[in-house]
PDB file of N, CA and C in Angstrom:
ATOM      1  N   MET A   1      94.682 118.798 170.804  1.00  0.00           N
ATOM      2  CA  MET A   1      93.949 117.923 171.274  1.00  0.00           C
ATOM      3  C   MET A   1      93.601 118.408 172.551  1.00  0.00           C
ATOM      4  N   PHE A   2      94.946 118.274 173.650  1.00  0.00           N
ATOM      5  CA  PHE A   2      94.916 118.980 175.215  1.00  0.00           C
ATOM      6  C   PHE A   2      95.064 120.342 175.568  1.00  0.00           C
ATOM      7  N   VAL A   3      95.279 121.146 174.543  1.00  0.00           N
ATOM      8  CA  VAL A   3      94.908 122.088 174.480  1.00  0.00           C
ATOM      9  C   VAL A   3      93.884 122.879 174.418  1.00  0.00           C
ATOM     10  N   LYS A   4      93.080 121.936 173.556  1.00  0.00           N
ATOM     11  CA  LYS A   4      91.402 122.453 172.940  1.00  0.00           C
ATOM     12  C   LYS A   4      90.654 122.093 174.252  1.00  0.00           C
ATOM     13  N   LEU A   5      91.066 120.682 174.958  1.00  0.00           N
ATOM     14  CA  LEU A   5      90.401 120.260 176.048  1.00  0.00           C
ATOM     15  C   LEU A   5      90.588 121.278 177.102  1.00  0.00           C
ATOM     16  N   THR A   6      91.610 121.654 177.457  1.00  0.00           N
ATOM     17  CA  THR A   6      91.929 122.655 178.594  1.00  0.00           C
ATOM     18  C   THR A   6      91.172 124.086 178.250  1.00  0.00           C
ATOM     19  N   ASN A   7      91.465 124.192 177.069  1.00  0.00           N
ATOM     20  CA  ASN A   7      90.346 125.634 176.618  1.00  0.00           C
ATOM     21  C   ASN A   7      88.901 125.368 176.953  1.00  0.00           C
ATOM     22  N   THR A   8      88.386 124.227 176.534  1.00  0.00           N
ATOM     23  CA  THR A   8      86.756 123.765 176.800  1.00  0.00           C
ATOM     24  C   THR A   8      86.654 123.587 178.062  1.00  0.00           C
ATOM     25  N   ILE A   9      87.317 123.455 179.177  1.00  0.00           N
ATOM     26  CA  ILE A   9      86.999 123.429 180.561  1.00  0.00           C
ATOM     27  C   ILE A   9      87.293 124.589 181.473  1.00  0.00           C
ATOM     28  N   SER A  10      88.063 125.526 181.131  1.00  0.00           N
ATOM     29  CA  SER A  10      88.494 126.943 181.207  1.00  0.00           C
ATOM     30  C   SER A  10      87.286 127.825 181.038  1.00  0.00           C
ATOM     31  N   VAL A  11      86.573 127.325 179.665  1.00  0.00           N
ATOM     32  CA  VAL A  11      85.260 128.078 179.096  1.00  0.00           C
ATOM     33  C   VAL A  11      84.027 128.045 179.808  1.00  0.00           C
ATOM     34  N   LEU A  12      84.220 126.368 180.490  1.00  0.00           N
ATOM     35  CA  LEU A  12      83.106 125.890 180.934  1.00  0.00           C
ATOM     36  C   LEU A  12      83.338 126.528 182.647  1.00  0.00           C
ATOM     37  N   LEU A  13      84.211 126.723 182.649  1.00  0.00           N
ATOM     38  CA  LEU A  13      84.557 126.816 185.062  1.00  0.00           C
ATOM     39  C   LEU A  13      84.124 128.629 184.571  1.00  0.00           C
ATOM     40  N   ALA A  14      84.567 129.522 183.607  1.00  0.00           N
ATOM     41  CA  ALA A  14      84.045 130.713 183.511  1.00  0.00           C
ATOM     42  C   ALA A  14      82.871 131.006 183.649  1.00  0.00           C
ATOM     43  N   ILE A  15      82.059 130.214 182.882  1.00  0.00           N
ATOM     44  CA  ILE A  15      80.191 130.236 182.669  1.00  0.00           C
ATOM     45  C   ILE A  15      80.267 129.612 184.369  1.00  0.00           C
ATOM     46  N   PHE A  16      80.587 129.012 184.790  1.00  0.00           N
ATOM     47  CA  PHE A  16      80.217 127.887 185.647  1.00  0.00           C
ATOM     48  C   PHE A  16      80.307 129.443 186.421  1.00  0.00           C
ATOM     49  N   VAL A  17      81.764 129.936 186.938  1.00  0.00           N
ATOM     50  CA  VAL A  17      81.319 131.080 187.700  1.00  0.00           C
ATOM     51  C   VAL A  17      80.789 132.069 187.614  1.00  0.00           C
ATOM     52  N   VAL A  18      80.783 132.875 186.574  1.00  0.00           N
ATOM     53  CA  VAL A  18      79.808 133.713 186.026  1.00  0.00           C
ATOM     54  C   VAL A  18      78.244 133.447 186.114  1.00  0.00           C
ATOM     55  N   LEU A  19      77.984 132.579 186.319  1.00  0.00           N
ATOM     56  CA  LEU A  19      76.481 132.254 186.887  1.00  0.00           C
ATOM     57  C   LEU A  19      76.160 131.968 188.213  1.00  0.00           C
ATOM     58  N   ARG A  20      76.919 131.336 188.661  1.00  0.00           N
ATOM     59  CA  ARG A  20      77.135 131.288 190.304  1.00  0.00           C
ATOM     60  C   ARG A  20      77.006 132.857 191.010  1.00  0.00           C
ATOM     61  N   PHE A  21      78.196 133.348 190.329  1.00  0.00           N
ATOM     62  CA  PHE A  21      77.873 134.900 191.038  1.00  0.00           C
ATOM     63  C   PHE A  21      76.638 135.623 190.330  1.00  0.00           C
ATOM     64  N   GLY A  22      76.630 135.524 189.181  1.00  0.00           N
ATOM     65  CA  GLY A  22      75.324 135.997 188.503  1.00  0.00           C
ATOM     66  C   GLY A  22      73.990 135.967 189.625  1.00  0.00           C
ATOM     67  N   GLU A  23      73.880 134.649 190.373  1.00  0.00           N
ATOM     68  CA  GLU A  23      72.916 134.149 190.634  1.00  0.00           C
ATOM     69  C   GLU A  23      72.586 134.733 192.135  1.00  0.00           C
ATOM     70  N   LEU A  24      73.582 135.096 192.869  1.00  0.00           N
ATOM     71  CA  LEU A  24      74.109 135.313 193.892  1.00  0.00           C
ATOM     72  C   LEU A  24      73.738 137.065 194.047  1.00  0.00           C
ATOM     73  N   ILE A  25      74.305 137.783 193.066  1.00  0.00           N
ATOM     74  CA  ILE A  25      73.938 139.046 193.115  1.00  0.00           C
ATOM     75  C   ILE A  25      72.373 139.490 192.992  1.00  0.00           C
ATOM     76  N   TYR A  26      71.966 138.378 191.952  1.00  0.00           N
ATOM     77  CA  TYR A  26      70.341 138.645 191.668  1.00  0.00           C
ATOM     78  C   TYR A  26      69.754 138.010 192.709  1.00  0.00           C
ATOM     79  N   ARG A  27      69.825 136.950 193.564  1.00  0.00           N
ATOM     80  CA  ARG A  27      69.239 136.659 194.603  1.00  0.00           C
ATOM     81  C   ARG A  27      69.323 137.729 196.065  1.00  0.00           C
ATOM     82  N   ASP A  28      70.698 138.613 195.642  1.00  0.00           N
ATOM     83  CA  ASP A  28      70.631 139.754 196.604  1.00  0.00           C
ATOM     84  C   ASP A  28      69.983 140.768 196.284  1.00  0.00           C
ATOM     85  N   LYS A  29      69.783 140.930 195.003  1.00  0.00           N
ATOM     86  CA  LYS A  29      68.950 142.276 194.563  1.00  0.00           C
ATOM     87  C   LYS A  29      67.727 141.993 194.849  1.00  0.00           C
ATOM     88  N   LEU A  30      66.847 140.579 194.350  1.00  0.00           N
ATOM     89  CA  LEU A  30      65.698 140.383 194.597  1.00  0.00           C
ATOM     90  C   LEU A  30      65.421 140.943 196.487  1.00  0.00           C
ATOM     91  N   SER A  31      66.107 140.401 197.343  1.00  0.00           N
ATOM     92  CA  SER A  31      65.786 140.118 198.674  1.00  0.00           C
ATOM     93  C   SER A  31      65.727 141.571 198.926  1.00  0.00           C
ATOM     94  N   TYR A  32      67.005 142.852 197.848  1.00  0.00           N
ATOM     95  CA  TYR A  32      66.737 143.957 198.579  1.00  0.00           C
ATOM     96  C   TYR A  32      65.181 144.726 198.253  1.00  0.00           C
ATOM     97  N   ALA A  33      65.074 144.189 197.080  1.00  0.00           N
ATOM     98  CA  ALA A  33      63.803 144.598 196.336  1.00  0.00           C
ATOM     99  C   ALA A  33      62.499 144.402 197.235  1.00  0.00           C
ATOM    100  N   PHE A  34      62.432 142.877 197.921  1.00  0.00           N
ATOM    101  CA  PHE A  34      61.567 142.877 198.837  1.00  0.00           C
ATOM    102  C   PHE A  34      61.181 143.596 199.859  1.00  0.00           C
ATOM    103  N   ALA A  35      63.050 143.880 200.388  1.00  0.00           N
ATOM    104  CA  ALA A  35      62.872 144.389 202.039  1.00  0.00           C
ATOM    105  C   ALA A  35      62.268 146.043 201.106  1.00  0.00           C
ATOM    106  N   GLY A  36      62.887 146.331 200.435  1.00  0.00           N
ATOM    107  CA  GLY A  36      62.524 147.562 199.675  1.00  0.00           C
ATOM    108  C   GLY A  36      60.710 147.875 199.739  1.00  0.00           C
ATOM    109  N   ASP A  37      60.422 147.106 199.152  1.00  0.00           N
ATOM    110  CA  ASP A  37      58.929 146.997 199.021  1.00  0.00           C
ATOM    111  C   ASP A  37      58.010 147.224 200.115  1.00  0.00           C
ATOM    112  N   PHE A  38      58.570 146.242 201.368  1.00  0.00           N
ATOM    113  CA  PHE A  38      58.107 145.848 202.393  1.00  0.00           C
ATOM    114  C   PHE A  38      58.132 147.061 203.041  1.00  0.00           C
ATOM    115  N   LEU A  39      59.534 147.620 203.557  1.00  0.00           N
ATOM    116  CA  LEU A  39      59.629 149.022 204.246  1.00  0.00           C
ATOM    117  C   LEU A  39      58.440 149.999 203.373  1.00  0.00           C
ATOM    118  N   LEU A  40      58.433 150.399 201.955  1.00  0.00           N
ATOM    119  CA  LEU A  40      57.648 151.312 201.407  1.00  0.00           C
ATOM    120  C   LEU A  40      56.176 151.434 201.938  1.00  0.00           C
ATOM    121  N   ARG A  41      55.296 149.817 202.047  1.00  0.00           N
ATOM    122  CA  ARG A  41      54.465 149.504 202.520  1.00  0.00           C
ATOM    123  C   ARG A  41      54.001 149.744 203.828  1.00  0.00           C
ATOM    124  N   TYR A  42      55.291 149.293 204.791  1.00  0.00           N
ATOM    125  CA  TYR A  42      54.992 149.470 206.133  1.00  0.00           C
ATOM    126  C   TYR A  42      55.069 151.115 206.270  1.00  0.00           C
ATOM    127  N   VAL A  43      56.026 152.150 205.529  1.00  0.00           N
ATOM    128  CA  VAL A  43      55.735 153.283 205.851  1.00  0.00           C
ATOM    129  C   VAL A  43      54.607 153.968 205.446  1.00  0.00           C
ATOM    130  N   LEU A  44      54.083 153.878 204.144  1.00  0.00           N
ATOM    131  CA  LEU A  44      53.125 154.285 204.101  1.00  0.00           C
ATOM    132  C   LEU A  44      51.610 154.381 204.346  1.00  0.00           C
ATOM    133  N   ASP A  45      51.686 152.720 205.197  1.00  0.00           N
ATOM    134  CA  ASP A  45      50.589 152.262 205.648  1.00  0.00           C
ATOM    135  C   ASP A  45      49.793 153.333 206.675  1.00  0.00           C
TER     136      ASP A  45
END
């Protein structure tokens, strides 16, 4: 029972960590995309 509980907790923790890092990387990529778009418009204008 205890082993199953710790397994569940570690799985939840792993999912949480992956989601956090995924969100950070996703935001980073989005901001880069916005910056690139802005630069392209600025250069082409």
